[in-house]
Protein backbone atom coordinates (compact mmCIF):
# COMPACT_ATOMS: atom_id res chain seq x y z
CA MET A 1 -42.79 -35.25 30.71
CA THR A 2 -44.84 -37.86 28.87
CA PRO A 3 -43.17 -41.12 27.79
CA GLY A 4 -43.17 -39.84 24.21
CA ARG A 5 -41.38 -36.65 25.18
CA LEU A 6 -38.89 -38.55 27.31
CA LEU A 7 -38.07 -40.82 24.37
CA PHE A 8 -37.79 -37.89 21.94
CA THR A 9 -35.53 -35.96 24.33
CA ALA A 10 -33.27 -38.96 24.94
CA ILE A 11 -32.90 -39.65 21.21
CA TYR A 12 -32.29 -35.97 20.45
CA LEU A 13 -29.63 -35.57 23.13
CA VAL A 14 -27.74 -38.73 22.16
CA PHE A 15 -28.02 -38.23 18.39
CA TRP A 16 -25.66 -35.25 18.08
CA PRO A 17 -22.73 -36.68 20.08
CA ALA A 18 -23.13 -40.00 18.27
CA LEU A 19 -23.09 -38.16 14.94
CA MET A 20 -19.87 -36.34 15.87
CA LEU A 21 -18.14 -39.57 16.83
CA SER A 22 -19.40 -41.36 13.74
CA LEU A 23 -18.22 -38.61 11.39
CA ALA A 24 -14.86 -38.44 13.16
CA GLY A 25 -14.36 -42.15 12.46
CA ASP A 26 -12.67 -42.44 15.84
CA TRP A 27 -14.69 -43.27 18.95
CA ARG A 28 -11.74 -42.21 21.08
CA TRP A 29 -11.71 -38.64 19.72
CA LEU A 30 -11.74 -36.64 22.95
CA PRO A 31 -13.33 -33.38 21.67
CA ALA A 32 -16.48 -35.25 20.62
CA TRP A 33 -16.78 -36.72 24.11
CA ILE A 34 -16.26 -33.30 25.70
CA VAL A 35 -18.66 -31.35 23.46
CA GLY A 36 -21.14 -34.21 23.16
CA GLY A 37 -21.02 -35.01 26.86
CA TRP A 38 -21.56 -31.34 27.66
CA PHE A 39 -24.59 -31.28 25.36
CA VAL A 40 -26.13 -34.37 26.96
CA LEU A 41 -25.47 -33.22 30.52
CA VAL A 42 -26.82 -29.71 29.96
CA GLY A 43 -29.94 -30.96 28.20
CA ALA A 44 -30.67 -33.75 30.68
CA SER A 45 -30.01 -31.68 33.81
CA THR A 46 -32.05 -28.74 32.55
CA MET A 47 -35.00 -30.91 31.55
CA ALA A 48 -34.92 -32.77 34.87
CA TRP A 49 -34.80 -29.51 36.82
CA LEU A 50 -37.70 -27.99 34.87
CA ALA A 51 -39.78 -31.17 35.20
CA ARG A 52 -39.42 -30.93 38.98
CA LYS A 53 -39.39 -27.18 39.61
CA ASP A 54 -41.23 -25.51 36.72
CA PRO A 55 -43.32 -27.93 34.63
CA ALA A 56 -45.25 -25.00 33.11
CA LEU A 57 -42.04 -23.65 31.58
CA LEU A 58 -41.09 -27.14 30.41
CA GLU A 59 -44.45 -27.35 28.65
CA GLU A 60 -43.76 -23.97 27.05
CA ARG A 61 -40.33 -25.12 25.89
CA PHE A 62 -42.03 -27.99 24.04
CA ARG A 63 -44.42 -25.62 22.26
CA MET A 64 -44.53 -26.27 18.51
CA PRO A 65 -43.12 -23.58 16.19
CA GLY A 66 -45.78 -21.38 14.64
CA THR A 67 -48.11 -21.53 17.64
CA GLY A 68 -48.85 -19.03 20.39
CA GLY A 69 -48.53 -16.01 18.12
CA GLN A 70 -44.96 -16.66 16.94
CA SER A 71 -44.31 -14.59 13.83
CA ARG A 72 -43.44 -16.04 10.45
CA ARG A 73 -40.18 -14.09 10.59
CA ASP A 74 -39.19 -15.81 13.82
CA GLN A 75 -40.06 -19.21 12.38
CA ILE A 76 -37.68 -18.53 9.49
CA MET A 77 -35.00 -17.37 11.92
CA ILE A 78 -35.36 -20.59 13.93
CA ALA A 79 -35.06 -22.63 10.73
CA PHE A 80 -31.77 -20.88 9.85
CA VAL A 81 -30.43 -21.43 13.37
CA THR A 82 -31.40 -25.12 13.23
CA VAL A 83 -29.62 -25.65 9.91
CA GLY A 84 -26.61 -23.71 11.20
CA PHE A 85 -26.49 -25.79 14.37
CA ALA A 86 -26.41 -29.00 12.32
CA ALA A 87 -23.59 -27.60 10.16
CA TRP A 88 -21.72 -26.52 13.30
CA ILE A 89 -21.91 -30.05 14.73
CA VAL A 90 -20.95 -31.76 11.47
CA LEU A 91 -18.02 -29.48 10.65
CA MET A 92 -16.14 -30.14 13.88
CA PRO A 93 -15.28 -33.80 13.16
CA LEU A 94 -15.15 -33.45 9.36
CA ASP A 95 -12.80 -30.49 9.45
CA THR A 96 -10.55 -31.57 12.31
CA ARG A 97 -10.44 -35.36 11.87
CA ARG A 98 -11.41 -36.26 8.30
CA PHE A 99 -10.65 -33.64 5.66
CA HIS A 100 -8.61 -30.88 7.36
CA TRP A 101 -10.25 -28.12 5.35
CA THR A 102 -8.76 -25.44 7.59
CA PRO A 103 -5.54 -25.30 9.63
CA PRO A 104 -6.10 -26.67 13.15
CA LEU A 105 -6.37 -24.06 15.88
CA PRO A 106 -3.60 -24.08 18.53
CA LEU A 107 -3.87 -26.85 21.09
CA ALA A 108 -4.02 -24.33 23.95
CA VAL A 109 -7.38 -22.93 22.79
CA GLY A 110 -8.99 -26.20 23.88
CA ALA A 111 -8.79 -25.11 27.53
CA ILE A 112 -10.47 -21.82 26.61
CA GLY A 113 -13.18 -23.81 24.84
CA VAL A 114 -13.82 -25.93 27.94
CA ALA A 115 -14.12 -22.77 30.04
CA CYS A 116 -16.60 -21.33 27.52
CA LEU A 117 -18.72 -24.48 27.69
CA LEU A 118 -18.79 -24.40 31.49
CA LEU A 119 -19.89 -20.75 31.46
CA ALA A 120 -22.46 -21.57 28.78
CA TRP A 121 -23.97 -24.23 31.06
CA LEU A 122 -24.19 -21.67 33.86
CA PHE A 123 -25.95 -19.03 31.75
CA VAL A 124 -28.36 -21.46 30.04
CA PHE A 125 -29.37 -23.04 33.33
CA ARG A 126 -29.66 -19.78 35.24
CA ALA A 127 -31.65 -18.14 32.44
CA LEU A 128 -34.31 -20.85 32.71
CA ALA A 129 -34.16 -20.94 36.51
CA ASP A 130 -34.55 -17.15 36.79
CA ASN A 131 -37.15 -16.68 34.04
CA PRO A 132 -40.37 -18.74 34.16
CA PHE A 133 -41.27 -17.28 30.74
CA GLY A 134 -38.14 -18.44 28.92
CA SER A 135 -39.89 -19.73 25.82
CA ALA A 136 -38.03 -21.09 22.81
CA LEU A 137 -40.37 -18.95 20.66
CA VAL A 138 -40.40 -15.17 20.45
CA ARG A 139 -43.88 -14.36 21.71
CA VAL A 140 -45.75 -12.62 24.52
CA GLN A 141 -47.25 -15.30 26.80
CA ARG A 142 -50.41 -13.49 27.87
CA GLU A 143 -52.14 -16.73 28.86
CA ARG A 144 -49.33 -17.33 31.39
CA GLY A 145 -49.30 -13.84 32.88
CA HIS A 146 -46.10 -12.84 31.14
CA ARG A 147 -44.11 -10.19 33.01
CA VAL A 148 -40.63 -8.68 32.80
CA ILE A 149 -37.92 -10.56 34.71
CA THR A 150 -35.15 -8.32 36.04
CA THR A 151 -33.38 -10.47 38.64
CA GLY A 152 -30.57 -13.04 38.53
CA VAL A 153 -28.64 -13.19 35.27
CA TYR A 154 -31.26 -10.89 33.73
CA GLY A 155 -29.73 -8.13 35.82
CA TRP A 156 -26.46 -8.57 33.87
CA VAL A 157 -27.62 -8.90 30.28
CA ARG A 158 -31.05 -8.81 28.68
CA HIS A 159 -30.57 -12.12 26.84
CA PRO A 160 -28.57 -14.50 29.07
CA MET A 161 -29.84 -17.55 27.17
CA TYR A 162 -28.33 -16.14 23.97
CA LEU A 163 -25.12 -15.42 25.89
CA GLY A 164 -25.01 -19.08 26.89
CA ALA A 165 -25.57 -20.12 23.27
CA THR A 166 -22.84 -17.71 22.14
CA LEU A 167 -20.36 -19.31 24.55
CA MET A 168 -21.41 -22.75 23.27
CA PHE A 169 -21.03 -21.83 19.60
CA VAL A 170 -17.54 -20.44 20.28
CA GLY A 171 -16.43 -22.97 22.88
CA GLY A 172 -17.27 -26.14 20.94
CA PRO A 173 -15.04 -25.36 17.93
CA LEU A 174 -12.23 -24.25 20.24
CA VAL A 175 -12.35 -27.64 21.96
CA ALA A 176 -12.38 -29.35 18.56
CA ARG A 177 -9.77 -26.87 17.20
CA SER A 178 -11.88 -26.38 14.07
CA LEU A 179 -11.65 -23.00 12.35
CA ALA A 180 -14.45 -23.91 9.92
CA ALA A 181 -16.86 -24.71 12.76
CA LEU A 182 -15.81 -21.53 14.56
CA VAL A 183 -16.75 -19.45 11.51
CA VAL A 184 -20.19 -21.11 11.43
CA GLY A 185 -20.50 -20.61 15.19
CA LEU A 186 -19.80 -16.89 14.82
CA ALA A 187 -22.39 -16.68 12.03
CA LEU A 188 -24.90 -18.27 14.40
CA VAL A 189 -24.02 -15.65 17.03
CA VAL A 190 -24.87 -12.96 14.47
CA LEU A 191 -28.24 -14.67 13.85
CA LEU A 192 -28.94 -14.72 17.59
CA ALA A 193 -28.03 -11.05 17.83
CA ARG A 194 -30.45 -10.28 15.00
CA ARG A 195 -33.15 -12.33 16.71
CA SER A 196 -32.58 -10.44 19.96
CA LEU A 197 -33.39 -7.18 18.16
CA ASP A 198 -36.67 -8.64 16.85
CA GLU A 199 -37.51 -9.99 20.29
CA GLU A 200 -36.86 -6.66 21.98
CA ALA A 201 -38.97 -4.80 19.44
CA LEU A 202 -41.91 -7.12 20.21
CA LEU A 203 -41.48 -6.98 23.99
CA THR A 204 -41.12 -3.20 23.97
CA ARG A 205 -44.41 -2.88 22.07
CA GLU A 206 -46.44 -5.45 23.95
CA LEU A 207 -44.95 -6.16 27.40
CA THR A 208 -45.46 -3.57 30.13
CA GLY A 209 -42.24 -2.49 31.80
CA TYR A 210 -39.84 -3.81 29.17
CA GLU A 211 -38.79 -0.37 27.93
CA GLU A 212 -37.81 0.60 31.47
CA TYR A 213 -35.89 -2.66 31.81
CA ARG A 214 -33.98 -1.90 28.61
CA ARG A 215 -32.89 1.43 30.04
CA ARG A 216 -31.81 -0.14 33.32
CA VAL A 217 -29.88 -3.12 31.89
CA ARG A 218 -27.72 -1.66 29.15
CA TYR A 219 -26.26 -4.76 27.50
CA ARG A 220 -28.20 -7.15 25.28
CA LEU A 221 -25.85 -10.06 24.82
CA ILE A 222 -22.26 -9.49 25.95
CA PRO A 223 -21.57 -7.59 29.20
CA PHE A 224 -19.71 -4.28 28.68
CA VAL A 225 -19.71 -4.82 24.89
CA TRP A 226 -23.23 -4.88 23.38
């Protein structure tokens, strides 16, 4: 981690929680502290762990879009996910605290949301800990000796990182009790599912052993469902 990357990461991690609190107009709004604090803790702990245990993967995670053989299609997909993520963040305070565009979800779903976020942290962290090739870009990392990973959470689902993101996109709006943000979160889950199909098509074509792995681990994203 260079000083520039440390500064960028710190600003990036703090920006989104600060934006939620600012848009809410209430610095005591608990859901922003829960979702925002979760975001900061997951990002900081994951980066710190990678910097110590797997700096090569950390370097890969900082790879610029469009490099390393990433397809134009995947670049467009990432752009849509990025825009959707920003909308997801913004809608939680605007819908729940400012404008009340949709009826608030029941108070009890907040506990379910917290549980989803905790599970999301587990899957995101374990996906990176178990897979030294967990790039943010869909590509085959030939220069790094890319191979199929079948252990850990990859023995449960083929895309545990996407499962963690799915739990995040659902859990955050449940904590905030925002139906509008939940709809956007579910749309983002659909985008991730679509991206997983593209990723699997590439890996099946170009990564030895991936077809066998697909047959052995049946579920892509959600255990016992799909």
